[in-house]
Protein backbone atom coordinates (compact mmCIF):
# COMPACT_ATOMS: atom_id res chain seq x y z
CA PRO A 1 -96.65 -57.32 -72.14
CA LEU A 2 -96.07 -57.30 -68.32
CA PRO A 3 -94.08 -60.38 -67.04
CA SER A 4 -95.67 -63.25 -65.56
CA PRO A 5 -96.36 -63.10 -62.67
CA PHE A 6 -96.93 -59.64 -61.77
CA HIS A 7 -98.33 -58.13 -58.95
CA VAL A 8 -100.10 -54.23 -58.66
CA ILE A 9 -99.98 -52.62 -55.18
CA ALA A 10 -102.05 -49.35 -54.79
CA THR A 11 -101.52 -47.15 -51.83
CA ALA A 12 -104.13 -45.03 -50.09
CA ASN A 13 -102.69 -42.00 -47.79
CA PRO A 14 -105.45 -41.28 -45.09
CA VAL A 15 -103.48 -37.71 -44.54
CA GLU A 16 -104.28 -36.19 -47.91
CA TYR A 17 -108.39 -36.70 -48.73
CA GLU A 18 -108.89 -33.21 -50.43
CA GLY A 19 -109.80 -34.11 -54.01
CA ILE A 20 -109.62 -38.01 -53.54
CA PHE A 21 -112.82 -40.18 -53.80
CA SER A 22 -113.36 -43.45 -52.82
CA LEU A 23 -113.00 -46.01 -55.22
CA PRO A 24 -116.46 -47.78 -56.50
CA GLU A 25 -116.92 -51.02 -55.16
CA ALA A 26 -116.34 -53.12 -58.48
CA GLN A 27 -112.90 -51.66 -58.20
CA LEU A 28 -112.48 -52.33 -54.58
CA ASP A 29 -113.51 -55.93 -54.90
CA ARG A 30 -110.46 -56.57 -57.36
CA PHE A 31 -108.05 -55.69 -54.45
CA HIS A 32 -106.95 -59.08 -53.27
CA VAL A 33 -105.95 -57.71 -49.72
CA ARG A 34 -106.01 -54.65 -47.66
CA ALA A 35 -103.05 -54.26 -45.45
CA ARG A 36 -102.50 -51.58 -42.87
CA ILE A 37 -99.17 -51.06 -42.55
CA GLY A 38 -98.80 -48.08 -40.26
CA TYR A 39 -95.50 -47.19 -38.67
CA PRO A 40 -92.57 -49.55 -38.02
CA ASP A 41 -91.63 -50.28 -34.33
CA ALA A 42 -88.77 -48.27 -32.98
CA ALA A 43 -85.79 -51.10 -33.48
CA SER A 44 -87.18 -51.53 -36.99
CA GLU A 45 -86.88 -48.06 -37.84
CA ILE A 46 -83.41 -47.66 -36.22
CA THR A 47 -82.35 -50.47 -38.45
CA MET A 48 -83.55 -48.82 -41.49
CA VAL A 49 -81.83 -45.40 -40.08
CA HIS A 50 -78.70 -47.34 -40.09
CA ALA A 51 -79.12 -48.92 -43.33
CA VAL A 52 -79.67 -45.48 -45.06
CA ALA A 53 -76.62 -44.13 -43.23
CA ARG A 54 -74.68 -46.70 -44.83
CA THR A 55 -75.60 -47.24 -48.17
CA GLY A 56 -77.81 -44.54 -49.01
CA THR A 57 -81.05 -46.55 -49.57
CA ALA A 58 -83.02 -48.85 -47.39
CA SER A 59 -82.43 -52.46 -48.82
CA ALA A 60 -85.10 -55.34 -48.81
CA PRO A 61 -83.76 -58.09 -46.67
CA ALA A 62 -82.31 -61.24 -48.45
CA ASN A 63 -85.37 -63.41 -47.64
CA ALA A 64 -87.91 -60.90 -49.34
CA ALA A 65 -85.57 -61.16 -52.64
CA ASP A 66 -85.67 -64.80 -52.32
CA LEU A 67 -89.50 -64.84 -52.00
CA ILE A 68 -89.62 -62.51 -55.59
CA ILE A 69 -87.22 -64.68 -57.06
CA ASN A 70 -89.05 -67.79 -56.36
CA LEU A 71 -92.42 -66.55 -56.63
CA PRO A 72 -93.67 -69.02 -59.26
CA MET A 73 -92.59 -71.94 -56.93
CA TRP A 74 -94.32 -70.43 -53.98
CA GLN A 75 -97.55 -69.78 -56.30
CA ALA A 76 -97.33 -73.50 -57.44
CA ARG A 77 -96.78 -74.56 -53.82
CA LEU A 78 -100.09 -72.54 -52.57
CA ARG A 79 -102.05 -74.66 -54.70
CA SER A 80 -101.03 -77.71 -53.14
CA VAL A 81 -102.44 -76.41 -49.61
CA GLN A 82 -105.41 -78.77 -48.94
CA VAL A 83 -108.97 -76.77 -48.46
CA SER A 84 -111.02 -79.38 -46.97
CA ASP A 85 -115.09 -79.36 -47.64
CA PRO A 86 -115.70 -78.18 -44.11
CA VAL A 87 -113.31 -74.84 -44.50
CA ALA A 88 -114.80 -74.15 -47.84
CA ASP A 89 -118.09 -74.23 -46.70
CA TYR A 90 -117.23 -72.04 -43.59
CA VAL A 91 -115.78 -69.31 -46.05
CA VAL A 92 -119.11 -69.32 -48.06
CA ARG A 93 -120.93 -69.12 -45.01
CA LEU A 94 -118.74 -66.15 -43.76
CA VAL A 95 -119.05 -64.48 -46.95
CA THR A 96 -122.82 -65.02 -47.36
CA GLY A 97 -123.21 -63.41 -43.79
CA THR A 98 -121.76 -60.42 -45.00
CA ARG A 99 -124.33 -60.16 -47.76
CA THR A 100 -127.32 -60.59 -45.29
CA HIS A 101 -126.00 -58.33 -42.49
CA SER A 102 -128.50 -55.68 -41.72
CA ALA A 103 -125.79 -52.92 -41.34
CA LEU A 104 -124.47 -53.73 -44.59
CA SER A 105 -125.62 -52.07 -47.90
CA LEU A 106 -123.06 -54.38 -50.01
CA GLY A 107 -121.65 -57.51 -48.74
CA ALA A 108 -118.49 -59.39 -50.25
CA SER A 109 -118.83 -61.09 -53.60
CA PRO A 110 -117.86 -64.54 -54.71
CA ARG A 111 -114.40 -62.77 -55.24
CA GLY A 112 -113.87 -62.60 -51.87
CA SER A 113 -114.83 -66.01 -51.16
CA LEU A 114 -112.16 -66.98 -53.51
CA ALA A 115 -109.42 -64.44 -52.16
CA LEU A 116 -110.35 -65.41 -48.52
CA THR A 117 -109.39 -69.08 -49.53
CA GLN A 118 -106.24 -68.33 -51.19
CA CYS A 119 -105.30 -66.21 -48.30
CA ALA A 120 -106.02 -68.60 -45.93
CA GLN A 121 -104.15 -71.10 -47.84
CA ALA A 122 -101.27 -68.65 -47.95
CA TRP A 123 -101.22 -68.28 -44.49
CA ALA A 124 -101.31 -72.34 -43.79
CA LEU A 125 -98.06 -72.12 -46.26
CA ILE A 126 -96.61 -69.58 -44.47
CA ASP A 127 -97.26 -71.70 -41.08
CA GLY A 128 -95.61 -74.69 -42.67
CA ARG A 129 -98.70 -76.62 -43.33
CA ASP A 130 -100.14 -78.30 -46.29
CA PHE A 131 -103.90 -77.86 -45.15
CA THR A 132 -105.92 -74.60 -44.07
CA THR A 133 -108.29 -74.65 -40.68
CA PRO A 134 -110.58 -72.22 -39.78
CA ASP A 135 -108.59 -70.22 -37.64
CA ASP A 136 -106.52 -69.43 -41.13
CA VAL A 137 -110.18 -68.08 -42.50
CA GLN A 138 -110.74 -66.05 -39.51
CA LEU A 139 -106.92 -64.40 -39.29
CA MET A 140 -107.57 -63.25 -42.79
CA ALA A 141 -111.06 -62.36 -42.74
CA GLU A 142 -110.45 -58.80 -41.85
CA PRO A 143 -107.87 -57.84 -44.45
CA VAL A 144 -109.27 -59.54 -46.99
CA LEU A 145 -113.39 -58.89 -46.63
CA ALA A 146 -113.43 -55.61 -44.86
CA HIS A 147 -112.72 -53.49 -47.94
CA ARG A 148 -115.14 -55.29 -49.97
CA LEU A 149 -118.05 -54.28 -47.59
CA SER A 150 -120.30 -51.14 -47.51
CA LEU A 151 -122.38 -49.93 -44.50
CA ARG A 152 -125.85 -48.79 -45.00
CA PRO A 153 -125.72 -44.80 -46.02
CA GLU A 154 -127.71 -43.99 -42.58
CA LEU A 155 -124.67 -45.51 -40.57
CA TRP A 156 -122.23 -43.58 -42.29
CA GLY A 157 -122.18 -40.95 -39.91
CA SER A 158 -122.09 -43.36 -36.64
CA ARG A 159 -119.12 -45.15 -35.28
CA MET A 160 -119.75 -48.45 -36.81
CA THR A 161 -116.99 -49.63 -39.03
CA THR A 162 -117.07 -52.76 -41.65
CA GLU A 163 -114.51 -54.19 -39.49
CA GLN A 164 -116.87 -54.48 -36.73
CA VAL A 165 -119.78 -55.65 -38.78
CA LEU A 166 -117.11 -58.21 -39.86
CA GLU A 167 -116.39 -59.13 -36.20
CA GLN A 168 -120.38 -59.71 -35.79
CA VAL A 169 -120.62 -62.02 -38.88
CA LEU A 170 -117.32 -63.94 -37.51
CA ALA A 171 -119.21 -64.53 -34.10
CA ALA A 172 -122.60 -65.46 -35.48
CA THR A 173 -121.25 -68.00 -37.88
CA PRO A 174 -120.45 -71.31 -36.38
CA THR A 175 -116.91 -72.63 -36.74
CA PRO A 176 -116.19 -76.01 -38.00
CA ASN A 177 -114.08 -78.51 -36.29
CA ALA A 178 -110.58 -77.63 -37.14
CA THR A 179 -109.71 -81.47 -37.78
CA ALA A 180 -113.01 -81.97 -40.00
CA GLY A 181 -112.68 -83.13 -43.36
């Protein structure tokens, strides 16, 4: 049995592709968010170097430990963040736009709509609000949806990316009034 709550974090190392194959769409769709971490800035890396020099390990900041300990409380607070009807409609229209875009052979599923809603709620909570806005949805669209989309096979060799297609969908989808609802 796993403790409740539990989280699974998977990594993909883009350097070592030999013998590695992409996950099927049904498995990719189960990942809530794809986060591109990249390298830390110089100041953060220097802090890490000093921490390892002093303790032998890179320790997590105190606020990260607080978040983990209080995760059930934060999850409950997330559910109290309001999603108005216009924002919910906007989420569904964005996801539907991925399903009908001519460059995609596979758009986001309803699981993508749900993940986008939850991540918009989380962003609003982090920002100190108890309501979501279209800006929250737009900010979270790429990390939540891009990995759920598949380009048409004839575009695989092109320079087009699912992120670019998602930008087109965002631009083509009318944004509701932030104060509506």
